[in-house]
Amino acid sequence: MHDPILAVAGVSKTYKGGHRALDTVDLEIRRGEIFALLGPNGAGKTTLISTICGIVTPSSGTITVDGHDAITDFKRARAKIGLVPQELSVDMFETVLATVKFSRRLFGRSGHDAYIEELLRDLSLWDKRSAKIMELSGGMKRRVLIAKALSHEPDILFLDEPTAGVDVSLRRDMWKLIGRLRTRGVTIILTTHYIEEAEEMADRVGVITGGKLLLVEEKTALMAKLGKREMDLALVEPMATIPPDLAEWHLSLENEGHTLRYVFDAQAERTGIPSLLRKLGELGITFKDLETSKSSLEDIFVDLVTERRAA
């Protein structure tokens, strides 16, 4: 394997009050990949990104960004990174163009007006280049944050919850832009608590909860695990046991025999639902309601944590 563009080794963070926000995280990011860090709110996603970007000092461990130590060679390491934070942090009285140009100069890059124009056009901001930030909508302000993060042409782009509270058109534009950046060789790391977001774009997915990185896997392998769905049938007559004729569906009885539960793989070619419903009809088993649900991210975390403990 090629040298990773980013290597996090044994990184932990404990705050003064004793709160351990990160618990010995090891992570290597491949050059040019799109990596999604999945986790519920408060899992440690933002702390990990803030530590890599030098906003938070780790309590232990090392971080190497494209060969540069993020602590001892901070300036060079940070110049490789673009960060789009969750919070809007922009000078409201500046114009769009001035803000983006200023960000570029902060990293010691000279004008390069053609690049900035292309960037603002990519983000549908060129027509708003002379507008003050305070005059923009929330979605447009988010676009400015992305333009600022990309102003100095970084090799690694961090997107912290990029589509939280974002309108559909910005989400679409953002995915298009991420696709274009990727073809230019930019490595992209995004945090999210939306499985769909990871599914859409990522090559690999990491799952973090309680400050611990539970696993890192190729997306396709993880999605197979996450593809489970449940169908609950509310029975007219409660059952004491499941008839042998229904054995092939591996059903379970819930709710004191009032609910028949079927767990299936939604991504499989055949879910087995039509044949199950036919068989129930043949056996004269009637139901008054049918409900399907997919595993929530929380359910998946519980499953993963349980698996890890059992291992």
Protein backbone atom coordinates (compact mmCIF):
# COMPACT_ATOMS: atom_id res chain seq x y z
CA MET A 1 0.00 0.00 0.00
CA HIS A 2 1.15 3.57 -0.72
CA ASP A 3 2.04 5.82 2.19
CA PRO A 4 -1.19 7.17 3.71
CA ILE A 5 -1.76 10.90 3.24
CA LEU A 6 -2.95 11.09 6.84
CA ALA A 7 -1.93 8.87 9.75
CA VAL A 8 -3.43 9.15 13.24
CA ALA A 9 -1.67 6.90 15.78
CA GLY A 10 -2.73 6.40 19.40
CA VAL A 11 -4.50 9.75 19.58
CA SER A 12 -6.55 10.45 22.70
CA LYS A 13 -8.03 13.62 24.17
CA THR A 14 -9.05 14.12 27.78
CA TYR A 15 -10.32 17.55 28.78
CA LYS A 16 -9.49 19.24 32.10
CA GLY A 17 -12.77 18.17 33.68
CA GLY A 18 -11.84 14.53 33.02
CA HIS A 19 -14.09 14.03 29.97
CA ARG A 20 -12.35 11.62 27.56
CA ALA A 21 -13.49 12.80 24.13
CA LEU A 22 -11.14 10.51 22.15
CA ASP A 23 -9.94 7.11 23.27
CA THR A 24 -6.72 5.91 21.54
CA VAL A 25 -7.74 6.41 17.91
CA ASP A 26 -5.66 4.80 15.11
CA LEU A 27 -6.62 5.71 11.56
CA GLU A 28 -4.89 5.83 8.18
CA ILE A 29 -6.44 7.69 5.25
CA ARG A 30 -5.42 6.74 1.72
CA ARG A 31 -4.42 9.39 -0.77
CA GLY A 32 -7.33 10.39 -3.03
CA GLU A 33 -10.05 8.44 -1.20
CA ILE A 34 -13.38 9.66 0.16
CA PHE A 35 -13.66 8.58 3.77
CA ALA A 36 -16.85 8.94 5.83
CA LEU A 37 -16.71 9.07 9.61
CA LEU A 38 -20.10 7.96 10.89
CA GLY A 39 -21.31 8.46 14.42
CA PRO A 40 -24.13 9.87 16.52
CA ASN A 41 -23.92 13.40 17.93
CA GLY A 42 -21.30 13.60 20.65
CA ALA A 43 -19.41 10.54 19.35
CA GLY A 44 -16.09 12.39 18.96
CA LYS A 45 -16.23 13.16 15.21
CA THR A 46 -15.63 16.90 15.54
CA THR A 47 -12.99 16.43 18.27
CA LEU A 48 -11.04 14.07 15.99
CA ILE A 49 -11.17 16.52 13.07
CA SER A 50 -10.27 19.46 15.34
CA THR A 51 -7.27 17.50 16.64
CA ILE A 52 -6.03 16.70 13.12
CA CYS A 53 -6.51 20.34 12.07
CA GLY A 54 -4.62 21.66 15.10
CA ILE A 55 -7.60 23.35 16.76
CA VAL A 56 -7.48 20.91 19.70
CA THR A 57 -4.20 19.57 21.14
CA PRO A 58 -4.24 15.79 21.65
CA SER A 59 -3.44 14.40 25.11
CA SER A 60 -1.38 11.62 23.50
CA GLY A 61 -0.48 10.17 20.11
CA THR A 62 0.88 11.43 16.79
CA ILE A 63 -0.70 12.87 13.64
CA THR A 64 1.16 12.93 10.32
CA VAL A 65 -0.25 14.92 7.39
CA ASP A 66 1.41 14.08 4.08
CA GLY A 67 4.72 13.45 5.86
CA HIS A 68 4.50 16.47 8.18
CA ASP A 69 4.05 16.11 11.94
CA ALA A 70 0.85 18.04 12.75
CA ILE A 71 2.21 19.15 16.14
CA THR A 72 5.91 19.93 15.55
CA ASP A 73 5.49 21.08 11.92
CA PHE A 74 2.03 22.57 12.32
CA LYS A 75 2.21 25.24 9.60
CA ARG A 76 3.15 22.87 6.79
CA ALA A 77 0.72 20.20 7.94
CA ARG A 78 -2.16 22.70 8.21
CA ALA A 79 -1.43 24.14 4.74
CA LYS A 80 -2.30 20.71 3.29
CA ILE A 81 -5.79 20.81 4.86
CA GLY A 82 -9.03 22.59 4.06
CA LEU A 83 -11.68 22.52 6.78
CA VAL A 84 -15.40 23.22 6.39
CA PRO A 85 -16.65 23.49 9.98
CA GLN A 86 -20.23 22.93 11.13
CA GLU A 87 -20.56 26.46 12.50
CA LEU A 88 -20.74 29.50 10.26
CA SER A 89 -17.60 31.46 11.08
CA VAL A 90 -17.28 34.30 8.59
CA ASP A 91 -16.92 38.09 8.68
CA MET A 92 -20.50 39.18 7.96
CA PHE A 93 -19.45 42.64 6.65
CA GLU A 94 -16.97 41.38 4.05
CA THR A 95 -17.87 40.54 0.47
CA VAL A 96 -17.75 36.95 -0.77
CA LEU A 97 -14.76 37.58 -3.05
CA ALA A 98 -12.74 39.45 -0.40
CA THR A 99 -13.35 36.68 2.19
CA VAL A 100 -12.20 33.90 -0.12
CA LYS A 101 -9.14 35.84 -1.32
CA PHE A 102 -8.19 36.64 2.29
CA SER A 103 -8.37 32.94 3.20
CA ARG A 104 -6.03 32.13 0.32
CA ARG A 105 -3.51 34.77 1.42
CA LEU A 106 -3.61 33.43 5.01
CA PHE A 107 -1.91 30.28 3.70
CA GLY A 108 0.72 32.29 1.85
CA ARG A 109 -0.84 31.75 -1.58
CA SER A 110 -0.82 34.64 -4.04
CA GLY A 111 -3.83 35.98 -6.00
CA HIS A 112 -4.55 33.40 -8.74
CA ASP A 113 -7.83 35.04 -9.76
CA ALA A 114 -8.63 32.37 -12.36
CA TYR A 115 -8.69 29.61 -9.70
CA ILE A 116 -10.87 31.68 -7.34
CA GLU A 117 -13.31 32.51 -10.14
CA GLU A 118 -13.58 28.84 -11.11
CA LEU A 119 -14.12 27.88 -7.47
CA LEU A 120 -16.87 30.47 -6.97
CA ARG A 121 -18.54 29.41 -10.22
CA ASP A 122 -18.40 25.75 -9.09
CA LEU A 123 -20.23 26.75 -5.91
CA SER A 124 -22.78 29.02 -7.70
CA LEU A 125 -21.28 32.01 -5.85
CA TRP A 126 -19.78 33.99 -8.73
CA ASP A 127 -22.91 36.11 -9.21
CA LYS A 128 -22.82 36.90 -5.48
CA ARG A 129 -19.10 37.74 -5.36
CA SER A 130 -19.72 41.43 -4.49
CA ALA A 131 -22.47 40.73 -1.94
CA LYS A 132 -21.72 41.09 1.76
CA ILE A 133 -21.90 37.76 3.62
CA MET A 134 -24.66 39.12 5.89
CA GLU A 135 -26.92 39.50 2.82
CA LEU A 136 -26.70 35.82 1.90
CA SER A 137 -29.04 32.96 2.79
CA GLY A 138 -27.88 30.20 5.16
CA GLY A 139 -27.20 27.86 2.22
CA MET A 140 -25.13 30.50 0.42
CA LYS A 141 -23.14 31.17 3.61
CA ARG A 142 -22.36 27.44 3.76
CA ARG A 143 -21.09 27.64 0.15
CA VAL A 144 -18.77 30.50 1.20
CA LEU A 145 -17.32 28.27 3.97
CA ILE A 146 -16.56 25.60 1.36
CA ALA A 147 -14.95 28.21 -0.94
CA LYS A 148 -12.80 29.45 1.98
CA ALA A 149 -11.69 25.90 2.80
CA LEU A 150 -10.67 25.28 -0.83
CA SER A 151 -9.16 28.72 -1.46
CA HIS A 152 -5.54 27.60 -0.89
CA GLU A 153 -5.90 24.40 -3.02
CA PRO A 154 -5.49 21.89 -0.16
CA ASP A 155 -4.72 18.19 -0.73
CA ILE A 156 -7.11 17.10 2.04
CA LEU A 157 -10.60 18.47 2.59
CA PHE A 158 -12.52 17.94 5.83
CA LEU A 159 -16.29 18.40 5.74
CA ASP A 160 -17.81 18.35 9.23
CA GLU A 161 -21.52 17.40 8.91
CA PRO A 162 -21.60 19.07 5.47
CA THR A 163 -25.32 18.71 4.78
CA ALA A 164 -26.80 19.22 8.25
CA GLY A 165 -29.65 21.69 7.74
CA VAL A 166 -28.75 22.24 4.09
CA ASP A 167 -31.23 22.55 1.23
CA VAL A 168 -31.46 19.92 -1.49
CA SER A 169 -29.87 22.04 -4.24
CA LEU A 170 -26.78 22.75 -2.11
CA ARG A 171 -26.53 19.07 -1.21
CA ARG A 172 -26.57 18.18 -4.92
CA ASP A 173 -24.02 20.88 -5.81
CA MET A 174 -21.81 19.74 -2.96
CA TRP A 175 -21.76 16.14 -4.15
CA LYS A 176 -20.93 17.29 -7.68
CA LEU A 177 -18.09 19.43 -6.36
CA ILE A 178 -16.77 16.54 -4.23
CA GLY A 179 -16.79 14.35 -7.34
CA ARG A 180 -14.77 16.96 -9.25
CA LEU A 181 -12.30 17.43 -6.39
CA ARG A 182 -11.79 13.73 -6.24
CA THR A 183 -10.86 13.55 -9.93
CA ARG A 184 -8.22 16.21 -9.16
CA GLY A 185 -6.80 13.90 -6.49
CA VAL A 186 -8.08 15.70 -3.38
CA THR A 187 -8.58 13.40 -0.38
CA ILE A 188 -11.96 14.02 1.24
CA ILE A 189 -12.97 13.17 4.80
CA LEU A 190 -16.53 13.87 5.87
CA THR A 191 -18.31 13.37 9.16
CA THR A 192 -21.99 12.59 9.18
CA HIS A 193 -24.71 10.81 11.10
CA TYR A 194 -26.62 10.09 7.87
CA ILE A 195 -25.92 6.61 6.55
CA GLU A 196 -27.27 7.68 3.14
CA GLU A 197 -24.58 10.32 2.88
CA ALA A 198 -21.81 7.79 3.45
CA GLU A 199 -23.50 5.37 1.08
CA GLU A 200 -23.67 8.00 -1.66
CA MET A 201 -20.02 8.96 -1.82
CA ALA A 202 -17.56 7.14 0.44
CA ASP A 203 -15.01 4.48 -0.46
CA ARG A 204 -14.49 3.54 3.18
CA VAL A 205 -16.45 4.18 6.33
CA GLY A 206 -15.29 4.51 9.92
CA VAL A 207 -17.74 4.18 12.80
CA ILE A 208 -17.03 6.17 15.95
CA THR A 209 -18.99 6.27 19.20
CA GLY A 210 -18.04 7.31 22.71
CA GLY A 211 -14.67 8.56 21.40
CA LYS A 212 -13.69 5.09 20.19
CA LEU A 213 -13.23 4.14 16.55
CA LEU A 214 -15.18 0.87 16.45
CA LEU A 215 -14.30 -0.19 12.95
CA VAL A 216 -13.05 0.96 9.56
CA GLU A 217 -14.31 -0.93 6.55
CA GLU A 218 -14.78 -0.73 2.81
CA LYS A 219 -18.17 0.82 2.26
CA THR A 220 -19.63 -2.10 0.31
CA ALA A 221 -18.81 -4.53 3.15
CA LEU A 222 -20.33 -2.25 5.76
CA MET A 223 -23.44 -1.51 3.70
CA ALA A 224 -24.13 -5.23 3.47
CA LYS A 225 -24.25 -5.28 7.27
CA LEU A 226 -26.38 -2.16 7.34
CA GLY A 227 -28.82 -3.42 4.72
CA LYS A 228 -31.01 -5.26 7.21
CA ARG A 229 -34.68 -4.31 7.41
CA GLU A 230 -37.49 -5.50 9.65
CA MET A 231 -41.10 -6.25 8.79
CA ASP A 232 -43.59 -6.54 11.66
CA LEU A 233 -46.97 -8.16 11.10
CA ALA A 234 -49.61 -7.38 13.73
CA LEU A 235 -51.53 -10.67 13.97
CA VAL A 236 -55.30 -10.88 14.35
CA GLU A 237 -54.88 -13.93 16.62
CA PRO A 238 -51.76 -14.18 18.85
CA MET A 239 -49.48 -17.19 18.30
CA ALA A 240 -47.82 -19.40 20.89
CA THR A 241 -45.25 -20.85 18.45
CA ILE A 242 -44.22 -20.36 14.83
CA PRO A 243 -45.52 -23.16 12.55
CA PRO A 244 -42.78 -25.40 11.03
CA ASP A 245 -44.04 -24.43 7.54
CA LEU A 246 -42.59 -20.93 8.15
CA ALA A 247 -39.12 -22.15 9.21
CA GLU A 248 -37.30 -20.97 6.06
CA TRP A 249 -37.98 -17.27 6.88
CA HIS A 250 -36.42 -17.45 10.38
CA LEU A 251 -39.24 -15.44 11.93
CA SER A 252 -39.53 -14.38 15.55
CA LEU A 253 -42.54 -13.73 17.77
CA GLU A 254 -42.64 -10.40 19.59
CA ASN A 255 -45.13 -8.57 21.78
CA GLU A 256 -46.36 -11.73 23.57
CA GLY A 257 -47.17 -13.49 20.31
CA HIS A 258 -49.15 -10.59 18.79
CA THR A 259 -46.37 -9.60 16.36
CA LEU A 260 -44.58 -11.74 13.80
CA ARG A 261 -41.18 -10.25 12.89
CA TYR A 262 -39.23 -10.94 9.71
CA VAL A 263 -35.68 -9.59 9.30
CA PHE A 264 -34.55 -9.40 5.67
CA ASP A 265 -31.83 -7.94 3.49
CA ALA A 266 -33.28 -4.99 1.61
CA GLN A 267 -30.41 -5.06 -0.89
CA ALA A 268 -30.93 -8.69 -1.86
CA GLU A 269 -32.51 -9.49 -5.23
CA ARG A 270 -35.22 -11.50 -3.45
CA THR A 271 -36.41 -10.24 -0.07
CA GLY A 272 -38.66 -13.24 0.51
CA ILE A 273 -41.62 -11.02 1.43
CA PRO A 274 -44.07 -12.00 -1.37
CA SER A 275 -43.55 -15.73 -0.75
CA LEU A 276 -43.90 -15.25 3.03
CA LEU A 277 -47.19 -13.38 2.62
CA ARG A 278 -48.47 -16.10 0.24
CA LYS A 279 -47.53 -18.82 2.72
CA LEU A 280 -49.29 -16.99 5.58
CA GLY A 281 -52.42 -16.81 3.39
CA GLU A 282 -52.22 -20.56 2.68
CA LEU A 283 -51.91 -21.29 6.40
CA GLY A 284 -54.86 -19.04 7.20
CA ILE A 285 -52.73 -16.72 9.37
CA THR A 286 -54.24 -13.24 9.14
CA PHE A 287 -52.75 -9.91 10.15
CA LYS A 288 -54.33 -6.49 10.59
CA ASP A 289 -51.27 -4.32 10.04
CA LEU A 290 -47.86 -4.50 8.39
CA GLU A 291 -44.95 -2.20 9.13
CA THR A 292 -41.38 -2.18 7.80
CA SER A 293 -38.48 -0.31 9.32
CA LYS A 294 -34.79 -0.10 8.68
CA SER A 295 -32.07 -0.26 11.31
CA SER A 296 -31.30 3.16 12.70
CA LEU A 297 -27.68 4.17 13.11
CA GLU A 298 -28.14 3.75 16.87
CA ASP A 299 -29.29 0.12 16.35
CA ILE A 300 -26.23 -0.51 14.22
CA PHE A 301 -23.96 0.95 16.91
CA VAL A 302 -25.54 -1.31 19.50
CA ASP A 303 -25.01 -4.31 17.18
CA LEU A 304 -21.41 -3.32 16.49
CA VAL A 305 -20.58 -2.71 20.14
CA THR A 306 -22.18 -6.04 21.10
CA GLU A 307 -20.24 -7.84 18.34
CA ARG A 308 -16.97 -6.27 19.52
CA ARG A 309 -17.57 -7.24 23.13
CA ALA A 310 -18.45 -10.79 22.16
CA ALA A 311 -15.35 -11.09 19.96
